[in-house]
Amino acid sequence: MLNNYKYFLVLSEELNISNAAKRLYISHQSLSKYLKSLEEKHGVAFFERKPKIALTAAGKIMQDTLRQIELLDQNMENQLTDLKEDKSGTIHFGITEGRYPIIVPKLLKEFYALHPKVELKIHRTTSPQMQEMVLNNSLDLFLSGVDNIVTQNVKYETILLEQMYMVISDNLLKQYFPDQYPECIETFNQGADLSLFQHVPFVLNKKNFNSRILLDKHLAERNISLHCINELTQPDIHHLLCAEDYAASFSLTMYLSGIHALNESNHTNSHLHVFPIADFSYLHPLALIYHKSKIFPSYVEDLKKIVKRYCTPSLHQSN
């Protein structure tokens, strides 16, 4: 059973024998035979067959146990790797779609130069999905905010406390603050009171995203209602829309470098201003998150150091 524990884990993920067999590169017959032998050995059913295949209570116990065995197996391999002079291996690193273009191209280049025999596989998806992947041992670590990390089986290293900023084009400032422009720029540089921007159109993140949750808390506390004309998940698109005078938006610290690049490119319709938000009391912890029982080879520590360096505020300019 232990030699083929991955058979059970893949089947518990796919809940389809044909799909699981394809992932395992074995025949449907071989996988069915394996499951039958396993259930006969233990005298219990691990899967319900009807109306559709699903884990039984015994199946969930087996899945949890084999996940622990898989983690121990990975930890053993990682520790043995560090005893080799010629280090090689694979790291599965997760990152959200919006942060991907900010650090991954530079990260891949630098890490490969340092460890040419280590394959760095990048997974782009949402934070909840990456957390689940860490728990099922298919992801080593990921970069994310920690506000929606709810399990006790992960740990994290905070690498940056991000601040929230408001982003608005120069043309929109002229349009919506005609009597105060350009003096308002200096005023807002000291902290933009969002109650003064309720008549300005905004593009916002989706409501289940960390940055939107923090923003909505701030607005609710101050009884402020912003005029949201669109909700999009990609921060870089938010800023492109701002640059075309479509709407104002918001940005966390890590994304400020993209705004700076837009202003430097001279391809925008209007210069983008980045203002701190008056009395905004929330910080967004950005962290590297991984399974609390995970033992990494030394080259993962090198990866962490590179990620931390590319996330530091000194690399991000706002204007």
C-alpha atoms as a PDB file:
ATOM      1  CA  MET A   1       0.000   0.000   0.000  1.00  0.00           C
ATOM      2  CA  LEU A   2       2.747   2.450   0.962  1.00  0.00           C
ATOM      3  CA  ASN A   3       4.599   1.897  -2.295  1.00  0.00           C
ATOM      4  CA  ASN A   4       1.528   3.044  -4.195  1.00  0.00           C
ATOM      5  CA  TYR A   5       0.026   5.556  -1.775  1.00  0.00           C
ATOM      6  CA  LYS A   6      -0.132   8.151  -4.533  1.00  0.00           C
ATOM      7  CA  TYR A   7      -2.688   5.965  -6.317  1.00  0.00           C
ATOM      8  CA  PHE A   8      -5.156   6.572  -3.507  1.00  0.00           C
ATOM      9  CA  LEU A   9      -4.356  10.289  -3.215  1.00  0.00           C
ATOM     10  CA  VAL A  10      -4.806  10.951  -6.917  1.00  0.00           C
ATOM     11  CA  LEU A  11      -8.045   8.994  -6.966  1.00  0.00           C
ATOM     12  CA  SER A  12      -9.313  10.948  -3.945  1.00  0.00           C
ATOM     13  CA  GLU A  13      -8.608  14.176  -5.846  1.00  0.00           C
ATOM     14  CA  GLU A  14     -10.063  13.133  -9.182  1.00  0.00           C
ATOM     15  CA  LEU A  15     -12.980  11.052  -7.858  1.00  0.00           C
ATOM     16  CA  ASN A  16     -12.918   9.365 -11.240  1.00  0.00           C
ATOM     17  CA  ILE A  17     -10.993   6.160 -11.919  1.00  0.00           C
ATOM     18  CA  SER A  18     -10.364   6.880 -15.597  1.00  0.00           C
ATOM     19  CA  ASN A  19      -9.035  10.391 -14.936  1.00  0.00           C
ATOM     20  CA  ALA A  20      -6.923   9.204 -12.021  1.00  0.00           C
ATOM     21  CA  ALA A  21      -5.461   6.355 -14.087  1.00  0.00           C
ATOM     22  CA  LYS A  22      -4.457   8.820 -16.818  1.00  0.00           C
ATOM     23  CA  ARG A  23      -2.680  11.056 -14.280  1.00  0.00           C
ATOM     24  CA  LEU A  24      -0.865   8.037 -12.869  1.00  0.00           C
ATOM     25  CA  TYR A  25       0.015   6.595 -16.282  1.00  0.00           C
ATOM     26  CA  ILE A  26      -1.512   3.236 -15.387  1.00  0.00           C
ATOM     27  CA  SER A  27      -4.493   1.347 -16.747  1.00  0.00           C
ATOM     28  CA  HIS A  28      -8.051   1.720 -15.491  1.00  0.00           C
ATOM     29  CA  GLN A  29      -7.951  -2.007 -14.642  1.00  0.00           C
ATOM     30  CA  SER A  30      -4.791  -1.668 -12.535  1.00  0.00           C
ATOM     31  CA  LEU A  31      -6.205   1.196 -10.494  1.00  0.00           C
ATOM     32  CA  SER A  32      -9.519  -0.621  -9.947  1.00  0.00           C
ATOM     33  CA  LYS A  33      -7.622  -3.706  -8.816  1.00  0.00           C
ATOM     34  CA  TYR A  34      -5.524  -1.622  -6.420  1.00  0.00           C
ATOM     35  CA  LEU A  35      -8.632  -0.064  -4.840  1.00  0.00           C
ATOM     36  CA  LYS A  36     -10.414  -3.401  -4.529  1.00  0.00           C
ATOM     37  CA  SER A  37      -7.397  -5.001  -2.825  1.00  0.00           C
ATOM     38  CA  LEU A  38      -7.071  -2.049  -0.454  1.00  0.00           C
ATOM     39  CA  GLU A  39     -10.719  -2.194   0.586  1.00  0.00           C
ATOM     40  CA  GLU A  40     -10.604  -5.976   1.014  1.00  0.00           C
ATOM     41  CA  LYS A  41      -7.497  -5.706   3.173  1.00  0.00           C
ATOM     42  CA  HIS A  42      -9.058  -3.204   5.561  1.00  0.00           C
ATOM     43  CA  GLY A  43     -12.636  -4.485   5.369  1.00  0.00           C
ATOM     44  CA  VAL A  44     -14.161  -1.068   4.674  1.00  0.00           C
ATOM     45  CA  ALA A  45     -15.263   0.945   1.656  1.00  0.00           C
ATOM     46  CA  PHE A  46     -13.163   4.016   1.003  1.00  0.00           C
ATOM     47  CA  PHE A  47     -15.397   5.383  -1.751  1.00  0.00           C
ATOM     48  CA  GLU A  48     -19.130   5.641  -2.299  1.00  0.00           C
ATOM     49  CA  ARG A  49     -19.933   4.499  -5.849  1.00  0.00           C
ATOM     50  CA  LYS A  50     -23.463   5.912  -6.224  1.00  0.00           C
ATOM     51  CA  PRO A  51     -24.935   8.312  -7.145  1.00  0.00           C
ATOM     52  CA  LYS A  52     -21.386   9.474  -7.839  1.00  0.00           C
ATOM     53  CA  ILE A  53     -17.993   8.497  -6.499  1.00  0.00           C
ATOM     54  CA  ALA A  54     -17.136  10.199  -3.196  1.00  0.00           C
ATOM     55  CA  LEU A  55     -14.946   9.591  -0.170  1.00  0.00           C
ATOM     56  CA  THR A  56     -16.522   7.740   2.752  1.00  0.00           C
ATOM     57  CA  ALA A  57     -15.602   8.516   6.370  1.00  0.00           C
ATOM     58  CA  ALA A  58     -12.996   5.741   6.125  1.00  0.00           C
ATOM     59  CA  GLY A  59     -11.759   7.251   2.868  1.00  0.00           C
ATOM     60  CA  LYS A  60     -11.214  10.631   4.513  1.00  0.00           C
ATOM     61  CA  ILE A  61      -9.222   8.984   7.296  1.00  0.00           C
ATOM     62  CA  MET A  62      -7.099   7.176   4.711  1.00  0.00           C
ATOM     63  CA  GLN A  63      -6.632  10.382   2.687  1.00  0.00           C
ATOM     64  CA  ASP A  64      -5.504  12.377   5.746  1.00  0.00           C
ATOM     65  CA  THR A  65      -3.119   9.623   6.799  1.00  0.00           C
ATOM     66  CA  LEU A  66      -1.587   9.231   3.360  1.00  0.00           C
ATOM     67  CA  ARG A  67      -1.181  13.012   3.067  1.00  0.00           C
ATOM     68  CA  GLN A  68       0.955  12.856   6.200  1.00  0.00           C
ATOM     69  CA  ILE A  69       2.962   9.980   4.735  1.00  0.00           C
ATOM     70  CA  GLU A  70       3.432  11.945   1.512  1.00  0.00           C
ATOM     71  CA  LEU A  71       4.685  14.954   3.489  1.00  0.00           C
ATOM     72  CA  LEU A  72       7.138  12.787   5.423  1.00  0.00           C
ATOM     73  CA  ASP A  73       8.322  11.283   2.137  1.00  0.00           C
ATOM     74  CA  GLN A  74       8.898  14.764   0.682  1.00  0.00           C
ATOM     75  CA  ASN A  75      10.690  15.905   3.839  1.00  0.00           C
ATOM     76  CA  MET A  76      12.999  12.899   3.702  1.00  0.00           C
ATOM     77  CA  GLU A  77      13.861  13.576   0.059  1.00  0.00           C
ATOM     78  CA  ASN A  78      14.506  17.256   0.816  1.00  0.00           C
ATOM     79  CA  GLN A  79      16.861  16.426   3.676  1.00  0.00           C
ATOM     80  CA  LEU A  80      18.724  13.854   1.574  1.00  0.00           C
ATOM     81  CA  THR A  81      19.078  16.452  -1.175  1.00  0.00           C
ATOM     82  CA  ASP A  82      21.070  18.675   1.176  1.00  0.00           C
ATOM     83  CA  LEU A  83      23.559  15.862   1.721  1.00  0.00           C
ATOM     84  CA  LYS A  84      24.394  15.804  -1.986  1.00  0.00           C
ATOM     85  CA  GLU A  85      27.088  18.023  -3.419  1.00  0.00           C
ATOM     86  CA  ASP A  86      25.263  18.371  -6.723  1.00  0.00           C
ATOM     87  CA  LYS A  87      21.861  19.721  -5.682  1.00  0.00           C
ATOM     88  CA  SER A  88      18.860  19.231  -7.940  1.00  0.00           C
ATOM     89  CA  GLY A  89      15.118  19.100  -7.480  1.00  0.00           C
ATOM     90  CA  THR A  90      11.839  20.919  -8.038  1.00  0.00           C
ATOM     91  CA  ILE A  91      10.121  23.727  -6.173  1.00  0.00           C
ATOM     92  CA  HIS A  92       6.414  24.395  -6.646  1.00  0.00           C
ATOM     93  CA  PHE A  93       5.891  28.091  -5.920  1.00  0.00           C
ATOM     94  CA  GLY A  94       2.509  29.811  -5.953  1.00  0.00           C
ATOM     95  CA  ILE A  95       1.640  33.432  -6.584  1.00  0.00           C
ATOM     96  CA  THR A  96      -1.510  35.372  -7.415  1.00  0.00           C
ATOM     97  CA  GLU A  97      -2.137  36.548 -10.966  1.00  0.00           C
ATOM     98  CA  GLY A  98      -1.687  40.222 -10.141  1.00  0.00           C
ATOM     99  CA  ARG A  99       1.684  39.837  -8.452  1.00  0.00           C
ATOM    100  CA  TYR A 100       3.071  37.407 -11.036  1.00  0.00           C
ATOM    101  CA  PRO A 101       4.469  39.942 -13.555  1.00  0.00           C
ATOM    102  CA  ILE A 102       6.019  42.086 -10.821  1.00  0.00           C
ATOM    103  CA  ILE A 103       8.551  39.560  -9.557  1.00  0.00           C
ATOM    104  CA  VAL A 104       8.399  36.241 -11.420  1.00  0.00           C
ATOM    105  CA  PRO A 105      10.414  37.143 -14.569  1.00  0.00           C
ATOM    106  CA  LYS A 106      13.288  38.493 -12.443  1.00  0.00           C
ATOM    107  CA  LEU A 107      12.866  35.701  -9.907  1.00  0.00           C
ATOM    108  CA  LEU A 108      13.171  32.931 -12.505  1.00  0.00           C
ATOM    109  CA  LYS A 109      16.298  34.418 -14.015  1.00  0.00           C
ATOM    110  CA  GLU A 110      18.104  34.992 -10.720  1.00  0.00           C
ATOM    111  CA  PHE A 111      17.152  31.680  -9.136  1.00  0.00           C
ATOM    112  CA  TYR A 112      18.137  29.671 -12.222  1.00  0.00           C
ATOM    113  CA  ALA A 113      21.532  31.390 -12.258  1.00  0.00           C
ATOM    114  CA  LEU A 114      22.011  30.364  -8.632  1.00  0.00           C
ATOM    115  CA  HIS A 115      20.609  26.822  -8.925  1.00  0.00           C
ATOM    116  CA  PRO A 116      20.613  25.726 -12.581  1.00  0.00           C
ATOM    117  CA  LYS A 117      19.641  22.127 -11.724  1.00  0.00           C
ATOM    118  CA  VAL A 118      16.606  23.073  -9.642  1.00  0.00           C
ATOM    119  CA  GLU A 119      13.352  23.463 -11.561  1.00  0.00           C
ATOM    120  CA  LEU A 120      11.162  26.302 -10.289  1.00  0.00           C
ATOM    121  CA  LYS A 121       7.553  25.636 -11.264  1.00  0.00           C
ATOM    122  CA  ILE A 122       5.235  28.617 -10.901  1.00  0.00           C
ATOM    123  CA  HIS A 123       1.524  28.185 -10.131  1.00  0.00           C
ATOM    124  CA  ARG A 124      -0.786  31.171 -10.677  1.00  0.00           C
ATOM    125  CA  THR A 125      -4.123  30.986  -8.885  1.00  0.00           C
ATOM    126  CA  THR A 126      -6.080  32.427  -5.960  1.00  0.00           C
ATOM    127  CA  SER A 127      -4.896  32.450  -2.359  1.00  0.00           C
ATOM    128  CA  PRO A 128      -7.565  29.964  -1.114  1.00  0.00           C
ATOM    129  CA  GLN A 129      -6.665  27.547  -3.898  1.00  0.00           C
ATOM    130  CA  MET A 130      -2.962  27.842  -3.103  1.00  0.00           C
ATOM    131  CA  GLN A 131      -3.637  27.197   0.564  1.00  0.00           C
ATOM    132  CA  GLU A 132      -5.475  24.006  -0.369  1.00  0.00           C
ATOM    133  CA  MET A 133      -2.570  22.989  -2.625  1.00  0.00           C
ATOM    134  CA  VAL A 134      -0.126  23.436   0.272  1.00  0.00           C
ATOM    135  CA  LEU A 135      -2.295  21.235   2.457  1.00  0.00           C
ATOM    136  CA  ASN A 136      -2.459  18.470  -0.161  1.00  0.00           C
ATOM    137  CA  ASN A 137       1.327  18.662  -0.723  1.00  0.00           C
ATOM    138  CA  SER A 138       1.111  19.793  -4.351  1.00  0.00           C
ATOM    139  CA  LEU A 139       2.557  23.241  -3.596  1.00  0.00           C
ATOM    140  CA  ASP A 140       5.644  23.980  -1.499  1.00  0.00           C
ATOM    141  CA  LEU A 141       5.016  27.612  -0.670  1.00  0.00           C
ATOM    142  CA  PHE A 142       3.212  30.665  -1.985  1.00  0.00           C
ATOM    143  CA  LEU A 143       3.193  34.449  -1.748  1.00  0.00           C
ATOM    144  CA  SER A 144      -0.061  35.959  -0.518  1.00  0.00           C
ATOM    145  CA  GLY A 145      -1.795  38.140   1.999  1.00  0.00           C
ATOM    146  CA  VAL A 146      -2.619  36.334   5.220  1.00  0.00           C
ATOM    147  CA  ASP A 147      -6.065  37.743   5.996  1.00  0.00           C
ATOM    148  CA  ASN A 148      -7.874  34.720   4.535  1.00  0.00           C
ATOM    149  CA  ILE A 149      -5.500  32.064   5.905  1.00  0.00           C
ATOM    150  CA  VAL A 150      -7.757  30.132   8.247  1.00  0.00           C
ATOM    151  CA  THR A 151      -6.146  26.742   8.873  1.00  0.00           C
ATOM    152  CA  GLN A 152      -3.860  25.853  11.755  1.00  0.00           C
ATOM    153  CA  ASN A 153      -1.759  23.603   9.535  1.00  0.00           C
ATOM    154  CA  VAL A 154       0.153  26.362   7.767  1.00  0.00           C
ATOM    155  CA  LYS A 155       2.707  28.886   8.932  1.00  0.00           C
ATOM    156  CA  TYR A 156       3.898  32.052   7.292  1.00  0.00           C
ATOM    157  CA  GLU A 157       6.778  34.518   7.240  1.00  0.00           C
ATOM    158  CA  THR A 158       5.616  38.100   6.851  1.00  0.00           C
ATOM    159  CA  ILE A 159       7.879  39.919   4.406  1.00  0.00           C
ATOM    160  CA  LEU A 160       6.037  43.197   3.882  1.00  0.00           C
ATOM    161  CA  LEU A 161       3.309  45.222   5.568  1.00  0.00           C
ATOM    162  CA  GLU A 162       1.646  46.799   2.563  1.00  0.00           C
ATOM    163  CA  GLN A 163      -0.119  50.138   2.701  1.00  0.00           C
ATOM    164  CA  MET A 164      -3.145  51.127   0.649  1.00  0.00           C
ATOM    165  CA  TYR A 165      -2.984  54.065  -1.766  1.00  0.00           C
ATOM    166  CA  MET A 166      -5.460  55.847  -3.993  1.00  0.00           C
ATOM    167  CA  VAL A 167      -4.569  56.201  -7.675  1.00  0.00           C
ATOM    168  CA  ILE A 168      -6.088  58.926  -9.842  1.00  0.00           C
ATOM    169  CA  SER A 169      -5.099  60.578 -13.118  1.00  0.00           C
ATOM    170  CA  ASP A 170      -4.246  64.232 -13.430  1.00  0.00           C
ATOM    171  CA  ASN A 171      -7.118  64.732 -15.885  1.00  0.00           C
ATOM    172  CA  LEU A 172      -9.647  63.303 -13.419  1.00  0.00           C
ATOM    173  CA  LEU A 173      -8.350  65.620 -10.707  1.00  0.00           C
ATOM    174  CA  LYS A 174      -8.911  68.588 -13.038  1.00  0.00           C
ATOM    175  CA  GLN A 175     -12.392  67.318 -13.928  1.00  0.00           C
ATOM    176  CA  TYR A 176     -13.662  66.560 -10.424  1.00  0.00           C
ATOM    177  CA  PHE A 177     -11.792  69.197  -8.426  1.00  0.00           C
ATOM    178  CA  PRO A 178     -11.785  72.167 -10.860  1.00  0.00           C
ATOM    179  CA  ASP A 179     -11.863  74.823  -8.162  1.00  0.00           C
ATOM    180  CA  GLN A 180      -9.066  73.268  -6.126  1.00  0.00           C
ATOM    181  CA  TYR A 181      -6.682  72.112  -8.857  1.00  0.00           C
ATOM    182  CA  PRO A 182      -3.656  72.075  -8.768  1.00  0.00           C
ATOM    183  CA  GLU A 183      -3.428  73.018  -5.078  1.00  0.00           C
ATOM    184  CA  CYS A 184      -5.361  69.870  -4.177  1.00  0.00           C
ATOM    185  CA  ILE A 185      -2.410  67.729  -5.273  1.00  0.00           C
ATOM    186  CA  GLU A 186      -0.304  68.901  -2.354  1.00  0.00           C
ATOM    187  CA  THR A 187      -3.252  68.484   0.009  1.00  0.00           C
ATOM    188  CA  PHE A 188      -3.930  64.919  -1.117  1.00  0.00           C
ATOM    189  CA  ASN A 189      -0.227  64.083  -0.917  1.00  0.00           C
ATOM    190  CA  GLN A 190      -0.620  64.547   2.836  1.00  0.00           C
ATOM    191  CA  GLY A 191      -3.521  62.077   2.857  1.00  0.00           C
ATOM    192  CA  ALA A 192      -6.599  61.851   0.644  1.00  0.00           C
ATOM    193  CA  ASP A 193      -9.890  61.936   2.547  1.00  0.00           C
ATOM    194  CA  LEU A 194     -12.086  59.483   0.634  1.00  0.00           C
ATOM    195  CA  SER A 195     -15.240  61.309   1.713  1.00  0.00           C
ATOM    196  CA  LEU A 196     -14.195  64.022  -0.761  1.00  0.00           C
ATOM    197  CA  PHE A 197     -14.101  61.488  -3.622  1.00  0.00           C
ATOM    198  CA  GLN A 198     -17.624  60.086  -3.426  1.00  0.00           C
ATOM    199  CA  HIS A 199     -18.542  61.754  -6.729  1.00  0.00           C
ATOM    200  CA  VAL A 200     -15.499  60.306  -8.531  1.00  0.00           C
ATOM    201  CA  PRO A 201     -15.880  57.013 -10.496  1.00  0.00           C
ATOM    202  CA  PHE A 202     -13.808  54.101  -9.200  1.00  0.00           C
ATOM    203  CA  VAL A 203     -12.784  50.678 -10.458  1.00  0.00           C
ATOM    204  CA  LEU A 204     -12.463  48.312  -7.510  1.00  0.00           C
ATOM    205  CA  ASN A 205     -11.305  44.797  -6.787  1.00  0.00           C
ATOM    206  CA  LYS A 206     -13.815  41.983  -6.245  1.00  0.00           C
ATOM    207  CA  LYS A 207     -15.341  41.923  -2.763  1.00  0.00           C
ATOM    208  CA  ASN A 208     -13.713  38.646  -1.685  1.00  0.00           C
ATOM    209  CA  PHE A 209     -10.178  39.925  -2.283  1.00  0.00           C
ATOM    210  CA  ASN A 210      -8.022  41.091   0.617  1.00  0.00           C
ATOM    211  CA  SER A 211      -7.464  44.643  -0.613  1.00  0.00           C
ATOM    212  CA  ARG A 212     -11.210  45.173  -1.162  1.00  0.00           C
ATOM    213  CA  ILE A 213     -12.011  43.767   2.288  1.00  0.00           C
ATOM    214  CA  LEU A 214      -9.651  46.272   3.908  1.00  0.00           C
ATOM    215  CA  LEU A 215     -11.025  49.133   1.828  1.00  0.00           C
ATOM    216  CA  ASP A 216     -14.634  48.253   2.643  1.00  0.00           C
ATOM    217  CA  LYS A 217     -13.810  48.191   6.368  1.00  0.00           C
ATOM    218  CA  HIS A 218     -12.390  51.697   6.115  1.00  0.00           C
ATOM    219  CA  LEU A 219     -15.389  52.977   4.152  1.00  0.00           C
ATOM    220  CA  ALA A 220     -17.913  51.390   6.526  1.00  0.00           C
ATOM    221  CA  GLU A 221     -16.231  52.890   9.589  1.00  0.00           C
ATOM    222  CA  ARG A 222     -16.483  56.353   8.062  1.00  0.00           C
ATOM    223  CA  ASN A 223     -19.873  55.911   6.398  1.00  0.00           C
ATOM    224  CA  ILE A 224     -18.401  56.616   2.981  1.00  0.00           C
ATOM    225  CA  SER A 225     -19.929  55.290  -0.240  1.00  0.00           C
ATOM    226  CA  LEU A 226     -17.751  55.330  -3.355  1.00  0.00           C
ATOM    227  CA  HIS A 227     -19.110  55.349  -6.896  1.00  0.00           C
ATOM    228  CA  CYS A 228     -17.919  51.968  -8.218  1.00  0.00           C
ATOM    229  CA  ILE A 229     -18.420  51.651 -11.975  1.00  0.00           C
ATOM    230  CA  ASN A 230     -16.528  48.372 -12.435  1.00  0.00           C
ATOM    231  CA  GLU A 231     -15.057  45.471 -10.462  1.00  0.00           C
ATOM    232  CA  LEU A 232     -11.963  43.743 -11.834  1.00  0.00           C
ATOM    233  CA  THR A 233      -9.408  41.425 -10.254  1.00  0.00           C
ATOM    234  CA  GLN A 234      -6.259  42.467 -12.149  1.00  0.00           C
ATOM    235  CA  PRO A 235      -4.469  45.426 -10.487  1.00  0.00           C
ATOM    236  CA  ASP A 236      -2.478  46.246 -13.625  1.00  0.00           C
ATOM    237  CA  ILE A 237      -5.742  46.656 -15.557  1.00  0.00           C
ATOM    238  CA  HIS A 238      -7.022  48.973 -12.825  1.00  0.00           C
ATOM    239  CA  HIS A 239      -4.020  51.218 -13.356  1.00  0.00           C
ATOM    240  CA  LEU A 240      -4.265  51.136 -17.143  1.00  0.00           C
ATOM    241  CA  LEU A 241      -7.886  52.250 -16.844  1.00  0.00           C
ATOM    242  CA  CYS A 242      -6.815  55.027 -14.504  1.00  0.00           C
ATOM    243  CA  ALA A 243      -4.237  56.150 -17.041  1.00  0.00           C
ATOM    244  CA  GLU A 244      -7.002  56.413 -19.639  1.00  0.00           C
ATOM    245  CA  ASP A 245      -9.093  58.615 -17.298  1.00  0.00           C
ATOM    246  CA  TYR A 246     -11.745  55.910 -16.987  1.00  0.00           C
ATOM    247  CA  ALA A 247     -11.819  55.889 -13.198  1.00  0.00           C
ATOM    248  CA  ALA A 248      -9.720  56.179 -10.066  1.00  0.00           C
ATOM    249  CA  SER A 249      -8.567  53.050  -8.224  1.00  0.00           C
ATOM    250  CA  PHE A 250      -6.497  51.777  -5.319  1.00  0.00           C
ATOM    251  CA  SER A 251      -3.123  50.093  -5.005  1.00  0.00           C
ATOM    252  CA  LEU A 252      -1.188  48.117  -2.435  1.00  0.00           C
ATOM    253  CA  THR A 253       2.515  48.852  -1.956  1.00  0.00           C
ATOM    254  CA  MET A 254       3.857  46.061  -4.154  1.00  0.00           C
ATOM    255  CA  TYR A 255       1.995  47.310  -7.229  1.00  0.00           C
ATOM    256  CA  LEU A 256       3.389  50.862  -7.093  1.00  0.00           C
ATOM    257  CA  SER A 257       6.292  49.966  -9.367  1.00  0.00           C
ATOM    258  CA  GLY A 258       3.798  49.282 -12.177  1.00  0.00           C
ATOM    259  CA  ILE A 259       2.273  52.730 -11.750  1.00  0.00           C
ATOM    260  CA  HIS A 260       5.724  54.290 -11.834  1.00  0.00           C
ATOM    261  CA  ALA A 261       6.481  52.360 -15.037  1.00  0.00           C
ATOM    262  CA  LEU A 262       3.264  53.664 -16.628  1.00  0.00           C
ATOM    263  CA  ASN A 263       4.201  57.238 -15.813  1.00  0.00           C
ATOM    264  CA  GLU A 264       7.695  56.717 -17.210  1.00  0.00           C
ATOM    265  CA  SER A 265       6.431  55.139 -20.422  1.00  0.00           C
ATOM    266  CA  ASN A 266       4.718  58.315 -21.701  1.00  0.00           C
ATOM    267  CA  HIS A 267       2.090  56.058 -23.273  1.00  0.00           C
ATOM    268  CA  THR A 268      -0.663  57.105 -20.896  1.00  0.00           C
ATOM    269  CA  ASN A 269      -3.407  59.618 -21.475  1.00  0.00           C
ATOM    270  CA  SER A 270      -2.624  61.357 -18.194  1.00  0.00           C
ATOM    271  CA  HIS A 271      -0.066  61.269 -15.384  1.00  0.00           C
ATOM    272  CA  LEU A 272      -1.092  59.077 -12.467  1.00  0.00           C
ATOM    273  CA  HIS A 273      -1.003  60.451  -8.930  1.00  0.00           C
ATOM    274  CA  VAL A 274      -0.607  58.093  -5.981  1.00  0.00           C
ATOM    275  CA  PHE A 275      -1.959  59.443  -2.703  1.00  0.00           C
ATOM    276  CA  PRO A 276      -1.864  57.933   0.790  1.00  0.00           C
ATOM    277  CA  ILE A 277      -5.343  57.588   2.266  1.00  0.00           C
ATOM    278  CA  ALA A 278      -6.162  59.777   5.246  1.00  0.00           C
ATOM    279  CA  ASP A 279      -6.711  57.855   8.496  1.00  0.00           C
ATOM    280  CA  PHE A 280      -6.429  54.462   6.788  1.00  0.00           C
ATOM    281  CA  SER A 281      -5.525  52.276   9.751  1.00  0.00           C
ATOM    282  CA  TYR A 282      -5.187  48.884   8.047  1.00  0.00           C
ATOM    283  CA  LEU A 283      -1.984  47.286   6.841  1.00  0.00           C
ATOM    284  CA  HIS A 284      -1.929  44.276   4.532  1.00  0.00           C
ATOM    285  CA  PRO A 285       0.582  41.632   5.652  1.00  0.00           C
ATOM    286  CA  LEU A 286       2.222  39.951   2.659  1.00  0.00           C
ATOM    287  CA  ALA A 287       3.812  36.618   3.503  1.00  0.00           C
ATOM    288  CA  LEU A 288       5.415  33.430   2.271  1.00  0.00           C
ATOM    289  CA  ILE A 289       3.057  30.641   3.353  1.00  0.00           C
ATOM    290  CA  TYR A 290       3.759  26.912   3.631  1.00  0.00           C
ATOM    291  CA  HIS A 291       2.819  23.750   5.543  1.00  0.00           C
ATOM    292  CA  LYS A 292       3.871  23.986   9.179  1.00  0.00           C
ATOM    293  CA  SER A 293       5.498  20.525   9.047  1.00  0.00           C
ATOM    294  CA  LYS A 294       7.363  21.072   5.791  1.00  0.00           C
ATOM    295  CA  ILE A 295      11.134  20.632   5.760  1.00  0.00           C
ATOM    296  CA  PHE A 296      12.774  22.411   2.838  1.00  0.00           C
ATOM    297  CA  PRO A 297      16.133  21.836   1.171  1.00  0.00           C
ATOM    298  CA  SER A 298      18.559  24.745   1.478  1.00  0.00           C
ATOM    299  CA  TYR A 299      17.847  26.062  -1.999  1.00  0.00           C
ATOM    300  CA  VAL A 300      14.301  26.980  -0.915  1.00  0.00           C
ATOM    301  CA  GLU A 301      15.848  29.361   1.609  1.00  0.00           C
ATOM    302  CA  ASP A 302      17.663  30.989  -1.303  1.00  0.00           C
ATOM    303  CA  LEU A 303      14.339  31.326  -3.107  1.00  0.00           C
ATOM    304  CA  LYS A 304      12.789  32.978  -0.046  1.00  0.00           C
ATOM    305  CA  LYS A 305      15.608  35.512   0.140  1.00  0.00           C
ATOM    306  CA  ILE A 306      15.163  36.483  -3.519  1.00  0.00           C
ATOM    307  CA  VAL A 307      11.386  36.828  -3.161  1.00  0.00           C
ATOM    308  CA  LYS A 308      11.774  38.985  -0.053  1.00  0.00           C
ATOM    309  CA  ARG A 309      14.240  41.274  -1.794  1.00  0.00           C
ATOM    310  CA  TYR A 310      11.962  41.841  -4.785  1.00  0.00           C
ATOM    311  CA  CYS A 311       9.047  42.611  -2.467  1.00  0.00           C
ATOM    312  CA  THR A 312      10.815  45.270  -0.405  1.00  0.00           C
ATOM    313  CA  PRO A 313       9.356  48.797  -0.606  1.00  0.00           C
ATOM    314  CA  SER A 314      12.692  50.270  -1.720  1.00  0.00           C
ATOM    315  CA  LEU A 315      12.109  48.698  -5.153  1.00  0.00           C
ATOM    316  CA  HIS A 316       8.743  50.401  -5.627  1.00  0.00           C
ATOM    317  CA  GLN A 317       8.327  54.023  -6.524  1.00  0.00           C
ATOM    318  CA  SER A 318       5.010  55.803  -6.566  1.00  0.00           C
ATOM    319  CA  ASN A 319       5.632  58.839  -8.740  1.00  0.00           C
END
